Amino acid sequence: MEYVKLGNTGMDVSRLCLGCMGFGDAKRWVHEWVLDEENSRPIIKKALELGINFFDTANVYSLGTSEEYLGRALKDYANRDEIVIATKVHGQMHVGPNGGGLSRKHIMSQIDQSLNRLGTDYVDLYIIHRWDYNTPIEETMEAMHEIVKAGKARYIGASAMYAWQFQKALHVAEKHGWTKFVSMQNHYNLIYREEEREMLPLCKEEKIAVTPYSPLASGRLTRDWSETTHRSETDIVQKSKYDATADADRVVVERVAALAEKYGVPRVHIALAWLLNKEPVTSPIIGAQKISHLENAVGALSIKLTPEEMAFLEEPYVPHPIVGHK
């Protein structure tokens, strides 16, 4: 495993991050394909054995059960001082007033609940999951700053927003002397590259770590176009992200397959190797439903694509509608 600094911080993170959206109680989430605790624990353990020390979850994933499963597994298998835990806030956690968003009230309530579920005194990275149009960004940034100063989070990050929103948040924090975001978790992969227009240049300029979610396009970059899985057939979020551009994306997927055949490796190696070669990507967030998913992802670290191969993969791309921002 390779380790890098998380953006402009001194914290070491593995070159790959295990995303834990796929772990939780299916009865409490929109995804029926998530793994229960018994089946998620071996994957978390294997990730640690492979050298992954960076784990990403969110309060809204299966309404807290993802955090619970991850917290219990890490307590049993890991040294807390070596691992990096990220969780998020924004999603609707209960029906009624103050159930979601980025108000001071909701943030202060949810950090304590997340820490309780994770079984830890602090998270290493606390992330706003989406932009909140109904709360002043000053209120949000001050609350996040106070969480850091209280020792409940070591750093703060953001996810899935427009570059102007992210820049505004950075400016507000700098203006008031508050803690600034150190990471951006955005939607980025070979068949969705809209972040290259504004967000990635901004992050590079500001030394912000980029930790892309959906690096394999929910698996579409890893299999034949006609092949389906339980997830691909039931995941309504995946369908909303990629079905509209399927014809254009197919050409890119076929080029991934061609390069994988050339190297004699699984397609995941090529798709992740491309992403790891893009600045300022720090640590893509990979999901895993099987041990083999982890092993294949780690294998991508050994692939070094040439500039010509990078261009070969990128050439068929066409502009896509924005997906992920709200």
Protein backbone atom coordinates (compact mmCIF):
# COMPACT_ATOMS: atom_id res chain seq x y z
CA MET A 1 0.00 0.00 0.00
CA GLU A 2 1.10 3.54 -0.72
CA TYR A 3 0.43 6.42 1.69
CA VAL A 4 0.14 10.14 0.96
CA LYS A 5 -0.64 13.27 2.91
CA LEU A 6 -4.29 14.34 2.91
CA GLY A 7 -3.99 17.56 0.94
CA ASN A 8 -2.19 20.34 2.78
CA THR A 9 -2.17 18.45 6.11
CA GLY A 10 0.32 16.22 7.87
CA MET A 11 -2.08 13.26 8.09
CA ASP A 12 -1.17 10.08 6.23
CA VAL A 13 -3.88 8.25 4.31
CA SER A 14 -3.75 5.15 2.15
CA ARG A 15 -3.86 5.72 -1.60
CA LEU A 16 -7.26 4.02 -1.59
CA CYS A 17 -10.11 4.67 0.83
CA LEU A 18 -12.76 2.07 1.69
CA GLY A 19 -16.22 3.56 1.26
CA CYS A 20 -18.77 2.09 3.65
CA MET A 21 -22.05 3.08 2.01
CA GLY A 22 -22.46 -0.60 1.10
CA PHE A 23 -22.58 -1.68 4.75
CA GLY A 24 -25.72 -1.34 6.84
CA ASP A 25 -29.28 -2.43 7.49
CA ALA A 26 -31.05 -2.72 4.13
CA LYS A 27 -34.37 -2.05 5.82
CA ARG A 28 -33.17 1.44 6.75
CA TRP A 29 -31.76 2.57 3.40
CA VAL A 30 -32.69 3.04 -0.24
CA HIS A 31 -30.17 0.38 -1.32
CA GLU A 32 -31.34 -3.18 -0.81
CA TRP A 33 -27.93 -4.58 -1.81
CA VAL A 34 -26.04 -3.37 1.29
CA LEU A 35 -24.20 -5.95 3.42
CA ASP A 36 -25.26 -6.70 6.97
CA GLU A 37 -22.78 -6.60 9.85
CA GLU A 38 -21.76 -10.24 9.63
CA ASN A 39 -20.83 -9.90 5.96
CA SER A 40 -19.26 -6.45 6.18
CA ARG A 41 -16.76 -7.27 8.93
CA PRO A 42 -14.54 -9.58 6.81
CA ILE A 43 -14.26 -6.86 4.16
CA ILE A 44 -13.24 -4.22 6.70
CA LYS A 45 -10.72 -6.64 8.19
CA LYS A 46 -9.28 -7.46 4.77
CA ALA A 47 -8.96 -3.77 3.94
CA LEU A 48 -6.83 -3.30 7.04
CA GLU A 49 -4.69 -6.32 6.13
CA LEU A 50 -4.10 -4.80 2.69
CA GLY A 51 -2.86 -1.61 4.31
CA ILE A 52 -5.94 0.58 3.86
CA ASN A 53 -6.15 2.96 6.82
CA PHE A 54 -8.75 5.39 5.42
CA PHE A 55 -12.46 4.62 5.89
CA ASP A 56 -15.38 6.78 4.73
CA THR A 57 -18.97 6.59 5.93
CA ALA A 58 -21.88 8.97 6.65
CA ASN A 59 -24.58 9.35 9.25
CA VAL A 60 -27.27 8.90 6.62
CA TYR A 61 -25.94 5.59 5.28
CA SER A 62 -28.57 3.10 6.40
CA LEU A 63 -29.55 5.71 8.99
CA GLY A 64 -26.51 5.22 11.16
CA THR A 65 -26.00 1.48 10.91
CA SER A 66 -23.05 1.87 8.54
CA GLU A 67 -21.28 3.91 11.22
CA GLU A 68 -22.17 1.31 13.85
CA TYR A 69 -20.82 -1.63 11.82
CA LEU A 70 -17.64 0.24 10.90
CA GLY A 71 -17.01 1.42 14.44
CA ARG A 72 -17.36 -2.01 15.99
CA ALA A 73 -15.16 -3.66 13.35
CA LEU A 74 -12.38 -1.08 13.67
CA LYS A 75 -12.46 -1.36 17.46
CA ASP A 76 -11.85 -5.11 17.13
CA TYR A 77 -9.33 -5.11 14.29
CA ALA A 78 -7.43 -1.79 14.23
CA ASN A 79 -5.22 0.61 16.14
CA ARG A 80 -7.24 3.83 16.38
CA ASP A 81 -4.14 6.01 16.21
CA GLU A 82 -3.20 4.59 12.79
CA ILE A 83 -6.55 4.74 11.05
CA VAL A 84 -8.42 7.67 9.53
CA ILE A 85 -12.21 7.76 9.89
CA ALA A 86 -14.34 10.12 7.83
CA THR A 87 -18.07 10.62 8.25
CA LYS A 88 -20.56 13.13 6.91
CA VAL A 89 -23.46 15.35 7.91
CA HIS A 90 -26.38 16.86 5.96
CA GLY A 91 -28.74 13.99 5.12
CA GLN A 92 -32.23 13.67 6.56
CA MET A 93 -31.93 11.62 9.76
CA HIS A 94 -35.48 11.91 11.01
CA VAL A 95 -38.88 13.17 9.88
CA GLY A 96 -39.87 16.63 11.05
CA PRO A 97 -38.10 19.93 11.79
CA ASN A 98 -34.30 19.98 12.07
CA GLY A 99 -33.98 16.46 10.69
CA GLY A 100 -31.28 17.36 8.15
CA GLY A 101 -29.21 20.16 6.64
CA LEU A 102 -26.24 22.14 7.88
CA SER A 103 -27.66 24.31 10.62
CA ARG A 104 -25.65 24.73 13.79
CA LYS A 105 -28.35 22.80 15.64
CA HIS A 106 -28.23 19.81 13.30
CA ILE A 107 -24.44 19.69 13.00
CA MET A 108 -23.86 19.85 16.75
CA SER A 109 -26.44 17.14 17.34
CA GLN A 110 -25.22 14.84 14.59
CA ILE A 111 -21.51 14.91 15.42
CA ASP A 112 -22.29 13.56 18.88
CA GLN A 113 -24.58 10.88 17.49
CA SER A 114 -22.01 9.85 14.89
CA LEU A 115 -19.26 9.60 17.51
CA ASN A 116 -21.54 7.46 19.67
CA ARG A 117 -22.31 5.11 16.78
CA LEU A 118 -18.67 4.89 15.72
CA GLY A 119 -17.56 4.29 19.30
CA THR A 120 -14.82 6.91 19.18
CA ASP A 121 -14.08 10.25 20.80
CA TYR A 122 -13.29 11.94 17.50
CA VAL A 123 -13.42 11.54 13.74
CA ASP A 124 -10.40 12.41 11.66
CA LEU A 125 -12.40 14.05 8.87
CA TYR A 126 -15.90 15.52 9.24
CA ILE A 127 -17.52 16.25 5.89
CA ILE A 128 -20.54 18.28 4.83
CA HIS A 129 -22.33 15.86 2.54
CA ARG A 130 -24.03 18.43 0.32
CA TRP A 131 -24.53 22.19 0.13
CA ASP A 132 -27.39 23.59 2.22
CA TYR A 133 -29.20 26.38 0.39
CA ASN A 134 -31.32 27.14 3.45
CA THR A 135 -28.52 27.83 5.94
CA PRO A 136 -25.97 30.67 5.74
CA ILE A 137 -22.55 29.24 5.00
CA GLU A 138 -21.20 31.39 7.86
CA GLU A 139 -23.34 29.44 10.33
CA THR A 140 -22.15 26.13 8.93
CA MET A 141 -18.45 27.02 8.85
CA GLU A 142 -18.45 28.41 12.38
CA ALA A 143 -20.14 25.27 13.70
CA MET A 144 -17.62 23.05 11.89
CA HIS A 145 -14.78 25.16 13.29
CA GLU A 146 -16.08 24.75 16.83
CA ILE A 147 -16.30 20.98 16.39
CA VAL A 148 -12.61 20.93 15.48
CA LYS A 149 -11.70 23.17 18.42
CA ALA A 150 -13.71 20.91 20.74
CA GLY A 151 -11.58 17.97 19.61
CA LYS A 152 -14.46 16.09 18.03
CA ALA A 153 -12.92 16.27 14.54
CA ARG A 154 -9.31 16.66 13.45
CA TYR A 155 -10.08 18.13 10.01
CA ILE A 156 -13.13 19.08 7.94
CA GLY A 157 -14.04 18.42 4.33
CA ALA A 158 -16.81 18.92 1.78
CA SER A 159 -18.55 16.86 -0.89
CA ALA A 160 -20.46 17.24 -4.15
CA MET A 161 -21.00 20.92 -4.82
CA TYR A 162 -20.28 23.61 -7.40
CA ALA A 163 -16.83 25.18 -7.42
CA TRP A 164 -18.26 28.61 -6.61
CA GLN A 165 -19.87 27.19 -3.48
CA PHE A 166 -16.68 25.54 -2.35
CA GLN A 167 -14.69 28.71 -2.98
CA LYS A 168 -17.24 30.73 -1.01
CA ALA A 169 -16.90 28.37 1.96
CA LEU A 170 -13.10 28.58 1.83
CA HIS A 171 -13.28 32.38 1.67
CA VAL A 172 -15.70 32.66 4.60
CA ALA A 173 -13.47 30.45 6.75
CA GLU A 174 -10.35 32.41 5.86
CA LYS A 175 -12.11 35.75 6.45
CA HIS A 176 -13.13 34.78 9.99
CA GLY A 177 -10.07 32.75 10.94
CA TRP A 178 -12.10 29.53 11.08
CA THR A 179 -10.97 26.03 10.15
CA LYS A 180 -10.88 25.54 6.38
CA PHE A 181 -11.86 22.49 4.38
CA VAL A 182 -8.93 20.22 3.53
CA SER A 183 -10.69 17.79 1.19
CA MET A 184 -13.30 17.55 -1.55
CA GLN A 185 -15.21 14.30 -2.06
CA ASN A 186 -16.65 14.67 -5.53
CA HIS A 187 -18.14 12.54 -8.29
CA TYR A 188 -15.31 11.70 -10.68
CA ASN A 189 -14.47 8.77 -12.94
CA LEU A 190 -13.73 7.95 -16.58
CA ILE A 191 -17.35 8.33 -17.66
CA TYR A 192 -18.06 11.40 -15.51
CA ARG A 193 -15.38 14.08 -15.84
CA GLU A 194 -17.29 17.33 -15.43
CA GLU A 195 -15.23 18.11 -12.30
CA GLU A 196 -12.23 18.76 -14.53
CA ARG A 197 -13.76 22.06 -15.64
CA GLU A 198 -13.62 24.05 -12.39
CA MET A 199 -13.47 21.96 -9.20
CA LEU A 200 -10.22 20.10 -9.84
CA PRO A 201 -8.25 23.22 -10.85
CA LEU A 202 -9.56 24.97 -7.72
CA CYS A 203 -8.51 22.07 -5.50
CA LYS A 204 -5.08 21.91 -7.09
CA GLU A 205 -4.54 25.63 -6.58
CA GLU A 206 -5.68 25.51 -2.94
CA LYS A 207 -3.85 22.23 -2.14
CA ILE A 208 -7.16 20.51 -1.38
CA ALA A 209 -7.18 16.70 -1.27
CA VAL A 210 -9.56 15.15 -3.80
CA THR A 211 -11.16 11.87 -2.71
CA PRO A 212 -13.54 10.94 -5.55
CA TYR A 213 -16.59 8.83 -4.93
CA SER A 214 -17.94 6.38 -7.50
CA PRO A 215 -14.46 5.92 -9.06
CA LEU A 216 -15.67 2.86 -10.97
CA ALA A 217 -19.04 4.35 -11.94
CA SER A 218 -20.88 1.89 -9.68
CA GLY A 219 -19.09 -0.98 -11.42
CA ARG A 220 -19.92 0.01 -14.98
CA LEU A 221 -16.23 0.47 -15.79
CA THR A 222 -15.37 -3.03 -14.59
CA ARG A 223 -17.56 -5.38 -16.65
CA ASP A 224 -18.98 -6.10 -20.08
CA TRP A 225 -21.73 -3.72 -21.13
CA SER A 226 -24.32 -6.49 -21.22
CA GLU A 227 -23.35 -7.96 -17.85
CA THR A 228 -25.53 -7.11 -14.86
CA THR A 229 -25.31 -7.51 -11.10
CA HIS A 230 -27.82 -7.42 -8.28
CA ARG A 231 -26.69 -3.87 -7.58
CA SER A 232 -26.92 -2.70 -11.19
CA GLU A 233 -30.46 -4.06 -11.45
CA THR A 234 -31.73 -2.56 -8.18
CA ASP A 235 -29.63 0.57 -7.53
CA ILE A 236 -31.89 3.48 -8.51
CA VAL A 237 -29.16 6.01 -7.68
CA GLN A 238 -26.76 4.37 -10.11
CA LYS A 239 -29.41 4.42 -12.82
CA SER A 240 -30.08 8.11 -12.25
CA LYS A 241 -26.37 8.90 -12.56
CA TYR A 242 -25.48 6.96 -15.69
CA ASP A 243 -28.43 5.66 -17.72
CA ALA A 244 -28.97 8.93 -19.60
CA THR A 245 -25.46 8.86 -21.12
CA ALA A 246 -25.14 5.12 -21.65
CA ASP A 247 -24.49 5.24 -25.39
CA ALA A 248 -21.58 7.66 -25.07
CA ASP A 249 -20.17 5.93 -22.01
CA ARG A 250 -20.11 2.54 -23.70
CA VAL A 251 -17.23 3.59 -25.97
CA VAL A 252 -15.13 4.58 -22.95
CA VAL A 253 -15.90 1.29 -21.20
CA GLU A 254 -14.82 -0.63 -24.30
CA ARG A 255 -11.48 1.20 -24.29
CA VAL A 256 -10.96 0.26 -20.65
CA ALA A 257 -11.56 -3.35 -21.66
CA ALA A 258 -9.06 -3.08 -24.51
CA LEU A 259 -6.29 -1.77 -22.26
CA ALA A 260 -7.08 -4.35 -19.58
CA GLU A 261 -6.67 -7.08 -22.18
CA LYS A 262 -3.36 -5.55 -23.28
CA TYR A 263 -2.03 -5.58 -19.72
CA GLY A 264 -3.65 -8.90 -18.82
CA VAL A 265 -5.35 -7.41 -15.76
CA PRO A 266 -8.92 -6.87 -14.52
CA ARG A 267 -10.60 -3.73 -15.83
CA VAL A 268 -10.72 -2.21 -12.37
CA HIS A 269 -6.91 -1.89 -12.55
CA ILE A 270 -7.16 0.33 -15.61
CA ALA A 271 -10.06 2.49 -14.41
CA LEU A 272 -8.41 3.16 -11.05
CA ALA A 273 -4.93 3.59 -12.52
CA TRP A 274 -6.33 6.35 -14.74
CA LEU A 275 -7.90 8.09 -11.74
CA LEU A 276 -4.79 7.77 -9.57
CA ASN A 277 -2.84 9.47 -12.35
CA LYS A 278 -5.08 12.58 -12.33
CA GLU A 279 -4.09 15.60 -10.27
CA PRO A 280 -4.96 16.39 -7.53
CA VAL A 281 -6.64 13.04 -6.79
CA THR A 282 -5.43 11.79 -3.41
CA SER A 283 -7.43 8.71 -2.46
CA PRO A 284 -10.39 7.39 -4.48
CA ILE A 285 -13.21 5.96 -2.39
CA ILE A 286 -13.79 2.37 -3.43
CA GLY A 287 -16.80 0.29 -2.47
CA ALA A 288 -16.50 -3.44 -1.92
CA GLN A 289 -19.12 -6.16 -1.67
CA LYS A 290 -16.58 -8.99 -1.90
CA ILE A 291 -12.99 -9.58 -0.78
CA SER A 292 -12.00 -9.83 -4.44
CA HIS A 293 -13.24 -6.27 -5.03
CA LEU A 294 -10.65 -5.04 -2.52
CA GLU A 295 -7.83 -7.17 -3.87
CA ASN A 296 -8.51 -6.06 -7.43
CA ALA A 297 -8.61 -2.41 -6.42
CA VAL A 298 -5.28 -2.57 -4.59
CA GLY A 299 -3.75 -4.24 -7.65
CA ALA A 300 -4.34 -1.03 -9.59
CA LEU A 301 -1.52 0.64 -7.68
CA SER A 302 0.99 -1.38 -9.72
CA ILE A 303 -0.30 -0.11 -13.09
CA LYS A 304 1.42 2.94 -14.57
CA LEU A 305 -0.35 4.19 -17.69
CA THR A 306 1.54 6.09 -20.36
CA PRO A 307 0.40 9.53 -21.57
CA GLU A 308 -0.73 7.87 -24.81
CA GLU A 309 -2.83 5.35 -22.91
CA MET A 310 -4.36 8.08 -20.77
CA ALA A 311 -5.32 9.97 -23.94
CA PHE A 312 -6.72 6.77 -25.48
CA LEU A 313 -9.08 6.37 -22.52
CA GLU A 314 -10.12 10.01 -22.44
CA GLU A 315 -10.63 10.75 -26.13
CA PRO A 316 -14.25 9.44 -26.55
CA TYR A 317 -15.63 11.43 -23.60
CA VAL A 318 -18.51 13.81 -24.27
CA PRO A 319 -19.94 16.45 -21.87
CA HIS A 320 -22.42 15.07 -19.33
CA PRO A 321 -25.22 16.66 -17.33
CA ILE A 322 -24.14 17.57 -13.80
CA VAL A 323 -24.81 14.70 -11.43
CA GLY A 324 -24.27 14.76 -7.66
CA HIS A 325 -24.75 18.46 -6.82
CA LYS A 326 -28.01 19.69 -5.35
